[in-house]
Amino acid sequence: MNDLWESDSVWAKIINLVKKHPAAFFQAWVKNESWRILDEKDLGRAELRHEVLFFYQVVEEFLDHFLQDLYALNNQYFPSRKGTKKAIESFKIKTENCYQRLNNIVSSGTRKEHITEAVSEIRKLGKELFALA
């Protein structure tokens, strides 16, 4: 076994740097994620095809980038989707009715008749978050 913790080690210094939530890191993270939120090619295809399974792939990618960007805007690490509601409610920087709108997008995709309105909402949310960044 190797000791992984030494109070004066380089490893401990790195851990402490990460715990400080460096603003420059989160700014770079926002810059990297913001342009990835809206994949117009896939959004357009989802809207045209009205295939629920394909739509969920598009929603999954949107949620991943949207949430990472949202967390980074609030100088927080994105741990997982467990507790997303509580985290979003605590954020100072977020879109209006953010959590409810994300839920509506996921719910809308369960029926192909609602995919167009869900894609429209994805575009709105993505643009609003981009404006906040």
Protein backbone atom coordinates (compact mmCIF):
# COMPACT_ATOMS: atom_id res chain seq x y z
CA MET A 1 0.00 0.00 0.00
CA ASN A 2 1.04 3.56 -0.66
CA ASP A 3 0.13 6.52 1.50
CA LEU A 4 -1.99 8.88 -0.51
CA TRP A 5 -2.25 11.61 2.07
CA GLU A 6 0.58 13.69 3.42
CA SER A 7 -0.24 17.15 4.71
CA ASP A 8 2.79 18.77 3.04
CA SER A 9 2.75 16.77 -0.18
CA VAL A 10 2.14 18.05 -3.67
CA TRP A 11 -1.02 15.93 -3.74
CA ALA A 12 -2.41 17.76 -0.68
CA LYS A 13 -1.66 21.13 -2.31
CA ILE A 14 -3.53 20.10 -5.47
CA ILE A 15 -6.52 18.95 -3.42
CA ASN A 16 -6.58 22.29 -1.61
CA LEU A 17 -6.42 24.20 -4.88
CA VAL A 18 -9.42 22.28 -6.21
CA LYS A 19 -11.36 22.82 -2.99
CA LYS A 20 -10.97 26.60 -3.39
CA HIS A 21 -13.22 26.61 -6.46
CA PRO A 22 -10.93 28.75 -8.63
CA ALA A 23 -12.91 31.29 -10.66
CA ALA A 24 -10.58 31.04 -13.67
CA PHE A 25 -11.23 27.30 -13.88
CA PHE A 26 -14.99 27.76 -13.88
CA GLN A 27 -14.78 30.57 -16.44
CA ALA A 28 -12.84 28.26 -18.76
CA TRP A 29 -15.39 25.51 -18.10
CA VAL A 30 -18.27 27.84 -19.02
CA LYS A 31 -16.47 28.88 -22.20
CA ASN A 32 -15.99 25.23 -23.15
CA GLU A 33 -19.54 24.11 -22.40
CA SER A 34 -21.58 27.11 -23.57
CA TRP A 35 -21.08 26.51 -27.27
CA ARG A 36 -21.86 22.79 -26.86
CA ILE A 37 -25.33 23.20 -25.32
CA LEU A 38 -27.23 23.51 -28.59
CA ASP A 39 -26.49 20.95 -31.29
CA GLU A 40 -28.67 22.42 -34.03
CA LYS A 41 -28.05 19.52 -36.39
CA ASP A 42 -29.44 16.96 -33.95
CA LEU A 43 -32.18 19.27 -32.71
CA GLY A 44 -33.37 19.76 -36.27
CA ARG A 45 -33.31 16.04 -36.94
CA ALA A 46 -35.25 15.31 -33.75
CA GLU A 47 -37.84 17.87 -34.74
CA LEU A 48 -38.21 16.47 -38.26
CA ARG A 49 -38.21 12.78 -37.39
CA HIS A 50 -40.33 12.84 -34.23
CA GLU A 51 -38.57 9.68 -33.05
CA VAL A 52 -38.86 9.46 -29.28
CA LEU A 53 -35.73 7.34 -28.79
CA PHE A 54 -33.59 9.65 -30.90
CA PHE A 55 -35.06 12.65 -29.12
CA TYR A 56 -33.93 11.23 -25.79
CA GLN A 57 -30.38 11.00 -27.06
CA VAL A 58 -30.57 14.67 -28.02
CA VAL A 59 -32.07 15.57 -24.63
CA GLU A 60 -29.38 13.59 -22.82
CA GLU A 61 -26.60 15.49 -24.57
CA PHE A 62 -28.37 18.82 -24.01
CA LEU A 63 -28.85 18.11 -20.30
CA ASP A 64 -25.24 17.09 -19.85
CA HIS A 65 -23.85 20.28 -21.37
CA PHE A 66 -26.56 22.54 -19.94
CA LEU A 67 -26.06 21.30 -16.38
CA GLN A 68 -22.28 21.42 -16.58
CA ASP A 69 -22.50 25.00 -17.82
CA LEU A 70 -25.07 25.94 -15.18
CA TYR A 71 -22.96 24.51 -12.36
CA ALA A 72 -19.82 26.20 -13.68
CA LEU A 73 -21.63 29.55 -13.91
CA ASN A 74 -22.31 29.15 -10.22
CA ASN A 75 -18.70 28.15 -9.45
CA GLN A 76 -19.74 24.63 -8.54
CA TYR A 77 -18.51 21.25 -9.65
CA PHE A 78 -21.08 19.05 -11.37
CA PRO A 79 -21.06 15.84 -9.31
CA SER A 80 -24.03 13.98 -10.82
CA ARG A 81 -27.72 14.42 -11.44
CA LYS A 82 -28.69 13.20 -7.99
CA GLY A 83 -29.85 16.27 -6.14
CA THR A 84 -30.07 18.44 -9.24
CA LYS A 85 -33.30 20.05 -8.07
CA LYS A 86 -31.81 21.15 -4.75
CA ALA A 87 -28.65 22.44 -6.45
CA ILE A 88 -30.55 24.43 -9.09
CA GLU A 89 -32.81 25.95 -6.45
CA SER A 90 -29.72 27.16 -4.56
CA PHE A 91 -28.03 28.74 -7.59
CA LYS A 92 -27.98 32.50 -7.95
CA ILE A 93 -27.33 32.34 -11.71
CA LYS A 94 -29.95 30.34 -13.59
CA THR A 95 -32.67 30.65 -16.15
CA GLU A 96 -36.19 31.45 -15.01
CA ASN A 97 -38.07 28.37 -13.74
CA CYS A 98 -35.02 26.37 -14.72
CA TYR A 99 -35.75 23.04 -13.03
CA GLN A 100 -39.41 22.98 -14.03
CA ARG A 101 -38.55 23.76 -17.64
CA LEU A 102 -35.97 20.96 -17.75
CA ASN A 103 -38.58 18.56 -16.37
CA ASN A 104 -41.07 19.71 -18.99
CA ILE A 105 -38.58 19.01 -21.77
CA VAL A 106 -38.05 15.47 -20.57
CA SER A 107 -41.80 14.93 -20.10
CA SER A 108 -42.66 16.37 -23.51
CA GLY A 109 -40.44 13.86 -25.24
CA THR A 110 -42.52 10.90 -24.14
CA ARG A 111 -44.94 11.55 -26.99
CA LYS A 112 -43.86 12.31 -30.50
CA GLU A 113 -46.60 14.94 -30.81
CA HIS A 114 -44.80 17.11 -28.24
CA ILE A 115 -41.24 16.85 -29.54
CA THR A 116 -41.47 20.09 -31.53
CA GLU A 117 -42.43 22.11 -28.45
CA ALA A 118 -39.70 20.38 -26.42
CA VAL A 119 -37.08 21.24 -29.05
CA SER A 120 -38.30 24.84 -29.01
CA GLU A 121 -37.89 24.95 -25.23
CA ILE A 122 -34.40 23.43 -25.46
CA ARG A 123 -33.43 26.24 -27.84
CA LYS A 124 -34.90 28.89 -25.53
CA LEU A 125 -33.19 27.53 -22.43
CA GLY A 126 -29.88 27.14 -24.22
CA LYS A 127 -29.97 30.71 -25.51
CA GLU A 128 -30.97 32.08 -22.12
CA LEU A 129 -28.14 30.27 -20.36
CA PHE A 130 -25.69 31.39 -23.03
CA ALA A 131 -26.81 34.98 -22.41
CA LEU A 132 -26.17 34.55 -18.68
CA ALA A 133 -22.67 33.27 -19.40
